Amino acid sequence: MTRIITALGEISSQYDALFVDLWGCLHDGVHPFPEAVTALQSYRKTGGKVVLLTNAPRSRTSVQQQIEGMGVPDDCWDTIASSGDSARAAMFRGAVGEKVWYIGPDSDLSFFDPIHIVENPVNIQRVPLEQAEGIVCVGPFDPHADPAVMRPEFL
């Protein structure tokens, strides 16, 4: 029979580290979940490490600022792994060429900020679609727009 786990403390001693998704596990997009914060703080007090995961197209630093702004205390986690940093590293290594067309809101333009973990990064230039060697898509220009609106641009 499947064991129902009602609290992290029931199983946490079996693990050296926890990988915890941010949205829905640690916060609701506006506020932290107090029970989750308390559980992670308790886990860390026993020597466990907590890695926060996010698929946000932003850097670890940007994500840290965001969660601090919503009240997530820094004593409930050790580090942040962001898909934004992984994608940025690939971009600055030349995975999409040097001339890229950007799809995304202005609020995510930090995606193009220099990254310091890549030696000899490619000089990325944002260009119109017609001149692009690759496309960097971090999300729609307008998250409320019908995706069919952009379809003609891609055909």
N, C-alpha and C. Protein backbone atom coordinates (compact mmCIF):
# COMPACT_ATOMS: atom_id res chain seq x y z
N MET A 1 0.84 -1.18 0.00
CA MET A 1 0.00 0.00 0.00
C MET A 1 0.88 1.25 0.00
N THR A 2 0.45 2.27 -0.68
CA THR A 2 1.19 3.52 -0.78
C THR A 2 1.16 4.26 0.56
N ARG A 3 2.32 4.71 0.97
CA ARG A 3 2.43 5.48 2.21
C ARG A 3 2.06 6.94 1.93
N ILE A 4 1.20 7.48 2.72
CA ILE A 4 0.81 8.89 2.62
C ILE A 4 1.73 9.70 3.53
N ILE A 5 2.44 10.65 2.94
CA ILE A 5 3.36 11.50 3.70
C ILE A 5 2.64 12.82 3.97
N THR A 6 2.52 13.17 5.23
CA THR A 6 1.79 14.39 5.58
C THR A 6 2.69 15.56 5.92
N ALA A 7 3.99 15.28 6.14
CA ALA A 7 4.92 16.36 6.47
C ALA A 7 6.33 15.97 6.02
N LEU A 8 7.09 16.94 5.57
CA LEU A 8 8.46 16.70 5.13
C LEU A 8 9.28 16.04 6.23
N GLY A 9 9.06 16.43 7.47
CA GLY A 9 9.82 15.89 8.59
C GLY A 9 9.74 14.38 8.73
N GLU A 10 8.69 13.77 8.17
CA GLU A 10 8.54 12.32 8.24
C GLU A 10 9.60 11.58 7.42
N ILE A 11 10.12 12.21 6.40
CA ILE A 11 11.06 11.53 5.49
C ILE A 11 12.38 12.26 5.29
N SER A 12 12.48 13.48 5.76
CA SER A 12 13.64 14.33 5.43
C SER A 12 14.97 13.76 5.89
N SER A 13 15.00 12.98 6.95
CA SER A 13 16.28 12.46 7.45
C SER A 13 16.92 11.47 6.47
N GLN A 14 16.17 11.00 5.49
CA GLN A 14 16.68 10.06 4.50
C GLN A 14 17.47 10.75 3.39
N TYR A 15 17.45 12.08 3.35
CA TYR A 15 18.00 12.81 2.22
C TYR A 15 19.04 13.84 2.65
N ASP A 16 20.10 13.96 1.84
CA ASP A 16 21.14 14.96 2.08
C ASP A 16 20.75 16.32 1.50
N ALA A 17 19.91 16.29 0.46
CA ALA A 17 19.53 17.53 -0.23
C ALA A 17 18.11 17.41 -0.75
N LEU A 18 17.46 18.55 -0.85
CA LEU A 18 16.13 18.64 -1.43
C LEU A 18 16.19 19.58 -2.62
N PHE A 19 15.55 19.21 -3.70
CA PHE A 19 15.38 20.07 -4.86
C PHE A 19 13.91 20.47 -4.87
N VAL A 20 13.65 21.76 -4.67
CA VAL A 20 12.29 22.25 -4.44
C VAL A 20 11.91 23.26 -5.51
N ASP A 21 10.85 22.97 -6.24
CA ASP A 21 10.35 23.92 -7.22
C ASP A 21 9.78 25.13 -6.47
N LEU A 22 9.96 26.30 -7.05
CA LEU A 22 9.49 27.52 -6.38
C LEU A 22 7.97 27.67 -6.44
N TRP A 23 7.47 27.83 -7.67
CA TRP A 23 6.06 28.16 -7.85
C TRP A 23 5.18 26.97 -7.45
N GLY A 24 4.29 27.21 -6.52
CA GLY A 24 3.37 26.18 -6.09
C GLY A 24 3.87 25.34 -4.94
N CYS A 25 5.17 25.31 -4.72
CA CYS A 25 5.74 24.55 -3.60
C CYS A 25 6.20 25.46 -2.48
N LEU A 26 6.86 26.56 -2.83
CA LEU A 26 7.37 27.49 -1.82
C LEU A 26 6.57 28.79 -1.80
N HIS A 27 5.97 29.16 -2.93
CA HIS A 27 5.15 30.38 -2.98
C HIS A 27 4.04 30.24 -4.00
N ASP A 28 3.09 31.17 -3.94
CA ASP A 28 1.95 31.16 -4.86
C ASP A 28 2.07 32.23 -5.94
N GLY A 29 3.26 32.80 -6.08
CA GLY A 29 3.46 33.87 -7.04
C GLY A 29 3.40 35.24 -6.40
N VAL A 30 2.85 35.31 -5.19
CA VAL A 30 2.73 36.57 -4.47
C VAL A 30 3.28 36.46 -3.06
N HIS A 31 2.95 35.35 -2.39
CA HIS A 31 3.35 35.16 -1.00
C HIS A 31 3.97 33.78 -0.79
N PRO A 32 4.90 33.68 0.15
CA PRO A 32 5.44 32.36 0.48
C PRO A 32 4.39 31.55 1.24
N PHE A 33 4.51 30.22 1.16
CA PHE A 33 3.67 29.33 1.96
C PHE A 33 4.38 29.16 3.31
N PRO A 34 3.80 29.66 4.40
CA PRO A 34 4.48 29.60 5.70
C PRO A 34 4.89 28.18 6.12
N GLU A 35 4.03 27.19 5.84
CA GLU A 35 4.35 25.82 6.23
C GLU A 35 5.57 25.30 5.47
N ALA A 36 5.68 25.67 4.20
CA ALA A 36 6.82 25.24 3.40
C ALA A 36 8.10 25.89 3.91
N VAL A 37 8.03 27.18 4.21
CA VAL A 37 9.20 27.89 4.74
C VAL A 37 9.67 27.23 6.03
N THR A 38 8.75 26.98 6.94
CA THR A 38 9.09 26.35 8.22
C THR A 38 9.71 24.97 8.02
N ALA A 39 9.13 24.18 7.12
CA ALA A 39 9.65 22.83 6.86
C ALA A 39 11.08 22.89 6.32
N LEU A 40 11.35 23.82 5.40
CA LEU A 40 12.70 23.93 4.83
C LEU A 40 13.69 24.47 5.85
N GLN A 41 13.27 25.41 6.67
CA GLN A 41 14.15 25.91 7.73
C GLN A 41 14.53 24.78 8.69
N SER A 42 13.56 23.98 9.07
CA SER A 42 13.81 22.86 9.98
C SER A 42 14.76 21.85 9.33
N TYR A 43 14.55 21.57 8.07
CA TYR A 43 15.41 20.63 7.34
C TYR A 43 16.85 21.13 7.31
N ARG A 44 17.03 22.41 7.03
CA ARG A 44 18.38 22.97 6.97
C ARG A 44 19.07 22.95 8.33
N LYS A 45 18.30 23.10 9.40
CA LYS A 45 18.89 23.06 10.75
C LYS A 45 19.50 21.70 11.07
N THR A 46 19.07 20.66 10.35
CA THR A 46 19.63 19.31 10.56
C THR A 46 20.82 19.06 9.64
N GLY A 47 21.21 20.08 8.86
CA GLY A 47 22.36 19.94 7.96
C GLY A 47 21.99 19.68 6.52
N GLY A 48 20.71 19.57 6.21
CA GLY A 48 20.29 19.33 4.84
C GLY A 48 20.48 20.57 3.97
N LYS A 49 20.69 20.33 2.69
CA LYS A 49 20.84 21.42 1.72
C LYS A 49 19.56 21.54 0.90
N VAL A 50 19.18 22.77 0.58
CA VAL A 50 17.97 23.03 -0.20
C VAL A 50 18.35 23.80 -1.46
N VAL A 51 18.03 23.21 -2.60
CA VAL A 51 18.23 23.84 -3.90
C VAL A 51 16.85 24.21 -4.44
N LEU A 52 16.63 25.49 -4.65
CA LEU A 52 15.37 25.94 -5.23
C LEU A 52 15.48 25.88 -6.75
N LEU A 53 14.45 25.35 -7.39
CA LEU A 53 14.42 25.20 -8.84
C LEU A 53 13.35 26.10 -9.44
N THR A 54 13.64 26.65 -10.61
CA THR A 54 12.65 27.45 -11.31
C THR A 54 12.88 27.37 -12.81
N ASN A 55 11.80 27.41 -13.56
CA ASN A 55 11.93 27.49 -15.01
C ASN A 55 11.79 28.93 -15.49
N ALA A 56 11.96 29.88 -14.59
CA ALA A 56 11.92 31.30 -14.95
C ALA A 56 13.08 31.62 -15.90
N PRO A 57 12.82 32.46 -16.90
CA PRO A 57 13.87 32.80 -17.86
C PRO A 57 14.82 33.88 -17.35
N ARG A 58 14.99 33.92 -16.05
CA ARG A 58 15.83 34.96 -15.45
C ARG A 58 17.01 34.34 -14.72
N SER A 59 17.94 35.18 -14.35
CA SER A 59 19.13 34.73 -13.64
C SER A 59 18.79 34.38 -12.19
N ARG A 60 19.69 33.64 -11.58
CA ARG A 60 19.57 33.28 -10.17
C ARG A 60 19.41 34.54 -9.32
N THR A 61 20.21 35.56 -9.62
CA THR A 61 20.16 36.81 -8.86
C THR A 61 18.79 37.47 -8.97
N SER A 62 18.25 37.50 -10.17
CA SER A 62 16.93 38.09 -10.39
C SER A 62 15.85 37.30 -9.65
N VAL A 63 15.94 35.98 -9.69
CA VAL A 63 14.97 35.13 -8.98
C VAL A 63 15.10 35.36 -7.48
N GLN A 64 16.32 35.47 -6.99
CA GLN A 64 16.53 35.72 -5.56
C GLN A 64 15.87 37.03 -5.15
N GLN A 65 16.06 38.07 -5.95
CA GLN A 65 15.43 39.36 -5.63
C GLN A 65 13.91 39.24 -5.62
N GLN A 66 13.38 38.47 -6.57
CA GLN A 66 11.94 38.29 -6.64
C GLN A 66 11.40 37.59 -5.39
N ILE A 67 12.03 36.49 -4.99
CA ILE A 67 11.49 35.76 -3.83
C ILE A 67 11.73 36.52 -2.53
N GLU A 68 12.83 37.27 -2.45
CA GLU A 68 13.04 38.12 -1.27
C GLU A 68 11.94 39.16 -1.19
N GLY A 69 11.56 39.72 -2.36
CA GLY A 69 10.51 40.73 -2.42
C GLY A 69 9.16 40.22 -1.97
N MET A 70 8.92 38.94 -2.15
CA MET A 70 7.64 38.38 -1.69
C MET A 70 7.72 37.83 -0.27
N GLY A 71 8.91 37.93 0.34
CA GLY A 71 9.03 37.56 1.74
C GLY A 71 9.57 36.17 2.04
N VAL A 72 10.16 35.51 1.04
CA VAL A 72 10.78 34.20 1.30
C VAL A 72 12.11 34.45 2.01
N PRO A 73 12.27 33.96 3.23
CA PRO A 73 13.52 34.21 3.97
C PRO A 73 14.69 33.41 3.40
N ASP A 74 15.88 33.99 3.47
CA ASP A 74 17.05 33.32 2.89
C ASP A 74 17.58 32.18 3.75
N ASP A 75 17.00 31.95 4.91
CA ASP A 75 17.47 30.84 5.74
C ASP A 75 16.71 29.54 5.48
N CYS A 76 15.88 29.53 4.42
CA CYS A 76 15.17 28.29 4.09
C CYS A 76 15.71 27.65 2.81
N TRP A 77 16.81 28.19 2.27
CA TRP A 77 17.38 27.62 1.06
C TRP A 77 18.88 27.90 1.00
N ASP A 78 19.58 27.13 0.16
CA ASP A 78 21.02 27.29 0.01
C ASP A 78 21.42 27.90 -1.32
N THR A 79 20.75 27.50 -2.39
CA THR A 79 21.07 28.03 -3.71
C THR A 79 19.85 27.93 -4.60
N ILE A 80 19.95 28.57 -5.77
CA ILE A 80 18.86 28.58 -6.74
C ILE A 80 19.41 28.10 -8.07
N ALA A 81 18.69 27.19 -8.71
CA ALA A 81 19.02 26.74 -10.06
C ALA A 81 17.90 27.22 -10.98
N SER A 82 18.28 28.05 -11.94
CA SER A 82 17.32 28.67 -12.84
C SER A 82 17.52 28.18 -14.27
N SER A 83 16.43 27.81 -14.93
CA SER A 83 16.56 27.44 -16.34
C SER A 83 17.03 28.64 -17.14
N GLY A 84 16.73 29.84 -16.64
CA GLY A 84 17.21 31.04 -17.31
C GLY A 84 18.72 31.09 -17.37
N ASP A 85 19.39 30.74 -16.26
CA ASP A 85 20.86 30.71 -16.27
C ASP A 85 21.39 29.64 -17.21
N SER A 86 20.74 28.48 -17.24
CA SER A 86 21.18 27.41 -18.14
C SER A 86 21.02 27.83 -19.60
N ALA A 87 19.88 28.42 -19.92
CA ALA A 87 19.64 28.86 -21.29
C ALA A 87 20.58 30.01 -21.67
N ARG A 88 20.81 30.92 -20.74
CA ARG A 88 21.72 32.04 -21.00
C ARG A 88 23.13 31.52 -21.26
N ALA A 89 23.58 30.55 -20.48
CA ALA A 89 24.91 29.99 -20.68
C ALA A 89 25.02 29.38 -22.07
N ALA A 90 23.99 28.66 -22.50
CA ALA A 90 24.00 28.07 -23.84
C ALA A 90 24.03 29.16 -24.90
N MET A 91 23.23 30.21 -24.71
CA MET A 91 23.21 31.30 -25.68
C MET A 91 24.58 31.96 -25.78
N PHE A 92 25.20 32.25 -24.64
CA PHE A 92 26.50 32.93 -24.66
C PHE A 92 27.64 32.02 -25.13
N ARG A 93 27.35 30.73 -25.24
CA ARG A 93 28.32 29.80 -25.85
C ARG A 93 28.08 29.66 -27.35
N GLY A 94 27.06 30.35 -27.87
CA GLY A 94 26.82 30.36 -29.30
C GLY A 94 25.76 29.40 -29.80
N ALA A 95 24.97 28.82 -28.93
CA ALA A 95 23.98 27.81 -29.32
C ALA A 95 22.94 28.33 -30.31
N VAL A 96 22.67 29.64 -30.30
CA VAL A 96 21.67 30.19 -31.22
C VAL A 96 22.28 31.22 -32.17
N GLY A 97 23.60 31.22 -32.29
CA GLY A 97 24.27 32.19 -33.14
C GLY A 97 24.51 33.49 -32.40
N GLU A 98 24.97 34.48 -33.15
CA GLU A 98 25.24 35.79 -32.53
C GLU A 98 24.09 36.76 -32.72
N LYS A 99 23.37 36.63 -33.81
CA LYS A 99 22.26 37.53 -34.11
C LYS A 99 20.96 36.80 -33.78
N VAL A 100 20.25 37.33 -32.78
CA VAL A 100 19.05 36.64 -32.33
C VAL A 100 17.83 37.55 -32.35
N TRP A 101 16.71 36.95 -32.66
CA TRP A 101 15.43 37.64 -32.55
C TRP A 101 14.84 37.24 -31.22
N TYR A 102 14.41 38.22 -30.45
CA TYR A 102 13.91 38.01 -29.09
C TYR A 102 12.39 38.02 -29.07
N ILE A 103 11.82 36.97 -28.49
CA ILE A 103 10.39 36.93 -28.22
C ILE A 103 10.24 36.93 -26.71
N GLY A 104 9.62 37.97 -26.20
CA GLY A 104 9.42 38.05 -24.75
C GLY A 104 9.11 39.46 -24.33
N PRO A 105 8.67 39.59 -23.09
CA PRO A 105 8.35 40.92 -22.58
C PRO A 105 9.61 41.69 -22.19
N ASP A 106 9.50 43.00 -22.17
CA ASP A 106 10.63 43.84 -21.76
C ASP A 106 11.10 43.51 -20.35
N SER A 107 10.19 43.02 -19.52
CA SER A 107 10.56 42.71 -18.14
C SER A 107 11.57 41.56 -18.04
N ASP A 108 11.77 40.81 -19.13
CA ASP A 108 12.74 39.71 -19.12
C ASP A 108 13.99 40.00 -19.95
N LEU A 109 14.21 41.26 -20.29
CA LEU A 109 15.40 41.62 -21.07
C LEU A 109 16.70 41.36 -20.31
N SER A 110 16.62 41.16 -19.01
CA SER A 110 17.83 40.83 -18.25
C SER A 110 18.42 39.49 -18.72
N PHE A 111 17.66 38.74 -19.50
CA PHE A 111 18.16 37.50 -20.09
C PHE A 111 19.46 37.76 -20.86
N PHE A 112 19.60 38.97 -21.40
CA PHE A 112 20.77 39.32 -22.21
C PHE A 112 21.91 39.94 -21.41
N ASP A 113 21.72 40.10 -20.12
CA ASP A 113 22.81 40.63 -19.28
C ASP A 113 24.01 39.70 -19.34
N PRO A 114 25.21 40.24 -19.27
CA PRO A 114 26.42 39.39 -19.32
C PRO A 114 26.37 38.30 -18.26
N ILE A 115 26.93 37.16 -18.63
CA ILE A 115 27.00 36.03 -17.71
C ILE A 115 28.47 35.76 -17.44
N HIS A 116 28.81 35.52 -16.20
CA HIS A 116 30.22 35.42 -15.82
C HIS A 116 30.73 33.99 -15.68
N ILE A 117 29.91 33.02 -16.04
CA ILE A 117 30.35 31.63 -15.94
C ILE A 117 30.80 31.06 -17.28
N VAL A 118 30.75 31.88 -18.33
CA VAL A 118 31.14 31.43 -19.66
C VAL A 118 32.40 32.17 -20.07
N GLU A 119 33.44 31.39 -20.41
CA GLU A 119 34.67 32.01 -20.91
C GLU A 119 34.47 32.41 -22.36
N ASN A 120 34.97 33.56 -22.74
CA ASN A 120 34.87 34.07 -24.11
C ASN A 120 33.44 33.99 -24.66
N PRO A 121 32.50 34.67 -24.01
CA PRO A 121 31.11 34.59 -24.47
C PRO A 121 30.93 35.21 -25.85
N VAL A 122 29.98 34.68 -26.59
CA VAL A 122 29.61 35.21 -27.89
C VAL A 122 28.98 36.59 -27.68
N ASN A 123 29.25 37.51 -28.60
CA ASN A 123 28.65 38.84 -28.55
C ASN A 123 27.25 38.76 -29.15
N ILE A 124 26.24 38.74 -28.31
CA ILE A 124 24.86 38.59 -28.77
C ILE A 124 24.30 39.93 -29.19
N GLN A 125 23.67 39.94 -30.38
CA GLN A 125 23.01 41.13 -30.89
C GLN A 125 21.54 40.80 -31.12
N ARG A 126 20.65 41.64 -30.60
CA ARG A 126 19.22 41.47 -30.89
C ARG A 126 18.93 42.15 -32.22
N VAL A 127 18.32 41.39 -33.13
CA VAL A 127 18.05 41.87 -34.48
C VAL A 127 16.62 41.51 -34.88
N PRO A 128 16.12 42.13 -35.97
CA PRO A 128 14.80 41.73 -36.49
C PRO A 128 14.84 40.27 -36.96
N LEU A 129 13.68 39.65 -37.03
CA LEU A 129 13.57 38.25 -37.41
C LEU A 129 14.27 37.94 -38.73
N GLU A 130 14.16 38.84 -39.70
CA GLU A 130 14.73 38.60 -41.02
C GLU A 130 16.25 38.48 -40.99
N GLN A 131 16.90 39.06 -39.99
CA GLN A 131 18.37 39.05 -39.89
C GLN A 131 18.88 38.02 -38.88
N ALA A 132 17.98 37.34 -38.21
CA ALA A 132 18.36 36.47 -37.10
C ALA A 132 18.95 35.14 -37.55
N GLU A 133 19.96 34.70 -36.80
CA GLU A 133 20.52 33.35 -36.95
C GLU A 133 19.80 32.38 -36.03
N GLY A 134 19.18 32.91 -35.00
CA GLY A 134 18.46 32.09 -34.03
C GLY A 134 17.38 32.90 -33.35
N ILE A 135 16.54 32.21 -32.62
CA ILE A 135 15.44 32.85 -31.90
C ILE A 135 15.58 32.53 -30.41
N VAL A 136 15.44 33.55 -29.60
CA VAL A 136 15.41 33.39 -28.14
C VAL A 136 14.00 33.72 -27.70
N CYS A 137 13.29 32.71 -27.21
CA CYS A 137 11.90 32.90 -26.77
C CYS A 137 11.82 32.62 -25.28
N VAL A 138 11.52 33.65 -24.51
CA VAL A 138 11.35 33.48 -23.07
C VAL A 138 9.87 33.54 -22.68
N GLY A 139 9.02 33.86 -23.63
CA GLY A 139 7.59 33.95 -23.38
C GLY A 139 6.97 34.89 -24.39
N PRO A 140 5.66 35.01 -24.37
CA PRO A 140 5.01 35.90 -25.35
C PRO A 140 5.27 37.37 -25.03
N PHE A 141 5.15 38.19 -26.08
CA PHE A 141 5.27 39.63 -25.87
C PHE A 141 4.17 40.08 -24.91
N ASP A 142 2.99 39.54 -25.13
CA ASP A 142 1.84 39.86 -24.29
C ASP A 142 1.25 38.54 -23.80
N PRO A 143 1.38 38.24 -22.52
CA PRO A 143 0.92 36.95 -22.02
C PRO A 143 -0.59 36.74 -22.13
N HIS A 144 -1.34 37.81 -22.40
CA HIS A 144 -2.79 37.69 -22.52
C HIS A 144 -3.25 37.64 -23.98
N ALA A 145 -2.32 37.76 -24.92
CA ALA A 145 -2.68 37.77 -26.33
C ALA A 145 -2.94 36.34 -26.84
N ASP A 146 -3.73 36.25 -27.86
CA ASP A 146 -4.00 34.98 -28.52
C ASP A 146 -2.75 34.58 -29.30
N PRO A 147 -2.21 33.37 -29.09
CA PRO A 147 -0.99 32.94 -29.81
C PRO A 147 -1.15 32.99 -31.33
N ALA A 148 -2.37 32.89 -31.82
CA ALA A 148 -2.60 32.94 -33.26
C ALA A 148 -2.18 34.28 -33.86
N VAL A 149 -2.13 35.31 -33.03
CA VAL A 149 -1.74 36.64 -33.51
C VAL A 149 -0.31 36.62 -34.06
N MET A 150 0.59 35.86 -33.42
CA MET A 150 1.99 35.82 -33.85
C MET A 150 2.24 34.78 -34.95
N ARG A 151 1.30 33.89 -35.16
CA ARG A 151 1.51 32.80 -36.12
C ARG A 151 1.98 33.28 -37.49
N PRO A 152 1.38 34.33 -38.07
CA PRO A 152 1.83 34.77 -39.40
C PRO A 152 3.31 35.15 -39.44
N GLU A 153 3.85 35.67 -38.35
CA GLU A 153 5.26 36.04 -38.32
C GLU A 153 6.18 34.83 -38.44
N PHE A 154 5.71 33.69 -37.98
CA PHE A 154 6.55 32.50 -37.97
C PHE A 154 6.46 31.70 -39.27
N LEU A 155 5.49 31.99 -40.09
CA LEU A 155 5.31 31.21 -41.34
C LEU A 155 6.06 31.81 -42.49
